[in-house]
């Protein structure tokens, strides 16, 4: 069994993660609300598409029939 300690020596600790978070918020803070909004809209569209697919039965309609042939 290998010792996991050498792998963890390069990982940031609590204060380092906090500093990284603050820097990311300063750099990308104005873009985060727009990203969250578009992600929420995408999830809502996906859910409504799933609901729409459940409510519509798969019955062939006129759109599925080939066009009628007309003989000149």
N, C-alpha and C. Protein backbone atom coordinates (compact mmCIF):
# COMPACT_ATOMS: atom_id res chain seq x y z
N UNK A 1 0.85 -1.18 0.00
CA UNK A 1 0.00 0.00 0.00
C UNK A 1 0.89 1.24 0.00
N UNK A 2 0.52 2.22 -0.83
CA UNK A 2 1.34 3.42 -0.92
C UNK A 2 0.89 4.45 0.11
N UNK A 3 1.79 5.31 0.46
CA UNK A 3 1.52 6.35 1.44
C UNK A 3 0.91 7.56 0.72
N UNK A 4 -0.32 8.00 1.08
CA UNK A 4 -0.94 9.12 0.38
C UNK A 4 -0.40 10.48 0.79
N UNK A 5 0.44 10.54 1.81
CA UNK A 5 0.95 11.81 2.30
C UNK A 5 1.70 12.61 1.24
N UNK A 6 2.56 12.03 0.42
CA UNK A 6 3.25 12.84 -0.59
C UNK A 6 2.28 13.46 -1.60
N UNK A 7 1.16 12.82 -1.86
CA UNK A 7 0.19 13.39 -2.80
C UNK A 7 -0.51 14.60 -2.19
N UNK A 8 -0.69 14.63 -0.89
CA UNK A 8 -1.41 15.71 -0.24
C UNK A 8 -0.55 16.92 0.10
N UNK A 9 0.75 16.80 -0.02
CA UNK A 9 1.62 17.91 0.35
C UNK A 9 1.45 19.12 -0.58
N UNK A 10 1.08 18.90 -1.82
CA UNK A 10 0.92 20.00 -2.75
C UNK A 10 -0.47 20.60 -2.75
N UNK A 11 -1.40 20.05 -2.00
CA UNK A 11 -2.77 20.55 -1.98
C UNK A 11 -2.88 21.79 -1.10
N UNK A 12 -3.68 22.78 -1.54
CA UNK A 12 -3.86 23.98 -0.71
C UNK A 12 -4.68 23.66 0.54
N UNK A 13 -4.42 24.40 1.59
CA UNK A 13 -5.15 24.25 2.84
C UNK A 13 -6.35 25.18 2.89
N UNK A 14 -6.89 25.39 4.08
CA UNK A 14 -8.10 26.19 4.25
C UNK A 14 -7.95 27.63 3.84
N UNK A 15 -6.88 28.30 4.32
CA UNK A 15 -6.68 29.71 3.98
C UNK A 15 -6.36 29.89 2.51
N UNK A 16 -5.62 28.96 1.93
CA UNK A 16 -5.29 29.07 0.52
C UNK A 16 -6.55 28.97 -0.34
N UNK A 17 -7.47 28.06 0.03
CA UNK A 17 -8.73 27.94 -0.72
C UNK A 17 -9.55 29.22 -0.60
N UNK A 18 -9.53 29.84 0.56
CA UNK A 18 -10.26 31.08 0.76
C UNK A 18 -9.69 32.19 -0.12
N UNK A 19 -8.39 32.28 -0.19
CA UNK A 19 -7.74 33.29 -1.04
C UNK A 19 -8.05 33.03 -2.51
N UNK A 20 -8.01 31.77 -2.93
CA UNK A 20 -8.34 31.41 -4.31
C UNK A 20 -9.79 31.79 -4.63
N UNK A 21 -10.71 31.54 -3.69
CA UNK A 21 -12.11 31.88 -3.88
C UNK A 21 -12.30 33.39 -4.03
N UNK A 22 -11.63 34.17 -3.19
CA UNK A 22 -11.74 35.63 -3.26
C UNK A 22 -11.20 36.15 -4.59
N UNK A 23 -10.08 35.62 -5.03
CA UNK A 23 -9.50 36.05 -6.31
C UNK A 23 -10.44 35.71 -7.47
N UNK A 24 -11.02 34.51 -7.44
CA UNK A 24 -11.96 34.11 -8.49
C UNK A 24 -13.20 35.01 -8.49
N UNK A 25 -13.70 35.35 -7.30
CA UNK A 25 -14.85 36.24 -7.24
C UNK A 25 -14.52 37.63 -7.75
N UNK A 26 -13.31 38.11 -7.49
CA UNK A 26 -12.92 39.42 -8.00
C UNK A 26 -12.78 39.41 -9.52
N UNK A 27 -12.26 38.32 -10.06
CA UNK A 27 -12.06 38.24 -11.51
C UNK A 27 -13.36 37.97 -12.27
N UNK A 28 -14.18 37.04 -11.75
CA UNK A 28 -15.35 36.59 -12.50
C UNK A 28 -16.67 36.93 -11.81
N UNK A 29 -16.67 37.80 -10.83
CA UNK A 29 -17.86 38.10 -10.04
C UNK A 29 -19.02 38.63 -10.85
N UNK A 30 -18.73 39.48 -11.84
CA UNK A 30 -19.82 40.06 -12.62
C UNK A 30 -20.40 39.07 -13.63
N UNK A 31 -19.73 37.99 -13.94
CA UNK A 31 -20.22 37.01 -14.91
C UNK A 31 -20.99 35.87 -14.25
N UNK A 32 -20.83 35.68 -12.96
CA UNK A 32 -21.45 34.54 -12.28
C UNK A 32 -22.98 34.61 -12.30
N UNK A 33 -23.63 35.76 -12.04
CA UNK A 33 -25.09 35.78 -12.08
C UNK A 33 -25.67 35.45 -13.47
N UNK A 34 -25.05 35.95 -14.51
CA UNK A 34 -25.51 35.64 -15.87
C UNK A 34 -25.33 34.16 -16.20
N UNK A 35 -24.24 33.59 -15.76
CA UNK A 35 -24.00 32.17 -15.98
C UNK A 35 -25.03 31.32 -15.23
N UNK A 36 -25.31 31.68 -13.99
CA UNK A 36 -26.30 30.95 -13.20
C UNK A 36 -27.70 31.10 -13.82
N UNK A 37 -28.01 32.28 -14.31
CA UNK A 37 -29.32 32.52 -14.93
C UNK A 37 -29.49 31.67 -16.18
N UNK A 38 -28.48 31.63 -17.04
CA UNK A 38 -28.59 30.84 -18.26
C UNK A 38 -28.60 29.34 -17.95
N UNK A 39 -27.89 28.93 -16.93
CA UNK A 39 -27.93 27.54 -16.53
C UNK A 39 -29.32 27.16 -16.02
N UNK A 40 -29.94 28.04 -15.24
CA UNK A 40 -31.30 27.80 -14.75
C UNK A 40 -32.31 27.73 -15.88
N UNK A 41 -32.19 28.60 -16.87
CA UNK A 41 -33.09 28.57 -18.02
C UNK A 41 -32.93 27.26 -18.80
N UNK A 42 -31.70 26.83 -18.95
CA UNK A 42 -31.46 25.57 -19.65
C UNK A 42 -32.07 24.38 -18.94
N UNK A 43 -31.95 24.36 -17.61
CA UNK A 43 -32.53 23.27 -16.83
C UNK A 43 -34.05 23.30 -16.93
N UNK A 44 -34.65 24.50 -16.87
CA UNK A 44 -36.11 24.61 -17.00
C UNK A 44 -36.59 24.16 -18.37
N UNK A 45 -35.88 24.51 -19.43
CA UNK A 45 -36.25 24.07 -20.77
C UNK A 45 -36.14 22.55 -20.89
N UNK A 46 -35.10 21.99 -20.31
CA UNK A 46 -34.92 20.54 -20.35
C UNK A 46 -36.07 19.84 -19.63
N UNK A 47 -36.43 20.34 -18.44
CA UNK A 47 -37.53 19.73 -17.68
C UNK A 47 -38.86 19.87 -18.41
N UNK A 48 -39.12 21.03 -19.01
CA UNK A 48 -40.37 21.20 -19.74
C UNK A 48 -40.40 20.30 -20.98
N UNK A 49 -39.27 20.10 -21.60
CA UNK A 49 -39.20 19.16 -22.72
C UNK A 49 -39.48 17.74 -22.30
N UNK A 50 -38.98 17.36 -21.14
CA UNK A 50 -39.28 16.02 -20.63
C UNK A 50 -40.77 15.87 -20.32
N UNK A 51 -41.36 16.89 -19.70
CA UNK A 51 -42.79 16.84 -19.39
C UNK A 51 -43.62 16.81 -20.66
N UNK A 52 -43.22 17.56 -21.66
CA UNK A 52 -43.95 17.60 -22.93
C UNK A 52 -43.89 16.24 -23.62
N UNK A 53 -42.75 15.60 -23.54
CA UNK A 53 -42.60 14.27 -24.14
C UNK A 53 -43.44 13.22 -23.43
N UNK A 54 -43.67 13.39 -22.13
CA UNK A 54 -44.48 12.42 -21.39
C UNK A 54 -45.96 12.58 -21.68
N UNK A 55 -46.42 13.80 -21.93
CA UNK A 55 -47.86 14.03 -22.09
C UNK A 55 -48.35 13.74 -23.49
N UNK A 56 -47.52 13.84 -24.50
CA UNK A 56 -47.95 13.60 -25.87
C UNK A 56 -47.85 12.11 -26.20
N UNK A 57 -48.95 11.47 -26.60
CA UNK A 57 -48.87 10.07 -27.00
C UNK A 57 -48.23 9.96 -28.38
N UNK A 58 -47.64 8.84 -28.65
CA UNK A 58 -47.00 8.61 -29.94
C UNK A 58 -48.00 7.99 -30.91
N UNK A 59 -48.92 8.79 -31.40
CA UNK A 59 -49.90 8.32 -32.39
C UNK A 59 -49.58 8.98 -33.71
N UNK A 60 -49.66 8.22 -34.77
CA UNK A 60 -49.35 8.82 -36.08
C UNK A 60 -50.46 9.79 -36.47
N UNK A 61 -50.06 10.93 -36.95
CA UNK A 61 -51.01 11.95 -37.37
C UNK A 61 -50.84 12.24 -38.84
N UNK A 62 -51.47 13.31 -39.30
CA UNK A 62 -51.37 13.66 -40.71
C UNK A 62 -49.96 14.09 -41.09
N UNK A 63 -49.21 14.59 -40.13
CA UNK A 63 -47.85 15.03 -40.44
C UNK A 63 -46.95 13.84 -40.73
N UNK A 64 -47.31 12.65 -40.22
CA UNK A 64 -46.48 11.47 -40.44
C UNK A 64 -46.81 10.75 -41.75
N UNK A 65 -47.97 11.07 -42.36
CA UNK A 65 -48.38 10.40 -43.59
C UNK A 65 -47.68 11.04 -44.79
N UNK A 66 -47.34 10.22 -45.78
CA UNK A 66 -46.74 10.81 -46.99
C UNK A 66 -47.77 11.63 -47.73
N UNK A 67 -47.35 12.63 -48.51
CA UNK A 67 -48.31 13.45 -49.26
C UNK A 67 -49.06 12.61 -50.27
N UNK A 68 -50.31 12.95 -50.51
CA UNK A 68 -51.14 12.21 -51.48
C UNK A 68 -50.65 12.50 -52.90
N UNK A 69 -50.68 11.46 -53.73
CA UNK A 69 -50.25 11.62 -55.12
C UNK A 69 -51.40 12.12 -55.95
N UNK A 70 -51.08 13.04 -56.80
CA UNK A 70 -52.09 13.54 -57.74
C UNK A 70 -51.68 13.09 -59.15
N UNK A 71 -52.60 12.45 -59.81
CA UNK A 71 -52.34 12.04 -61.21
C UNK A 71 -52.80 13.15 -62.12
N UNK A 72 -51.95 13.59 -63.05
CA UNK A 72 -52.36 14.69 -63.96
C UNK A 72 -53.32 14.24 -65.01
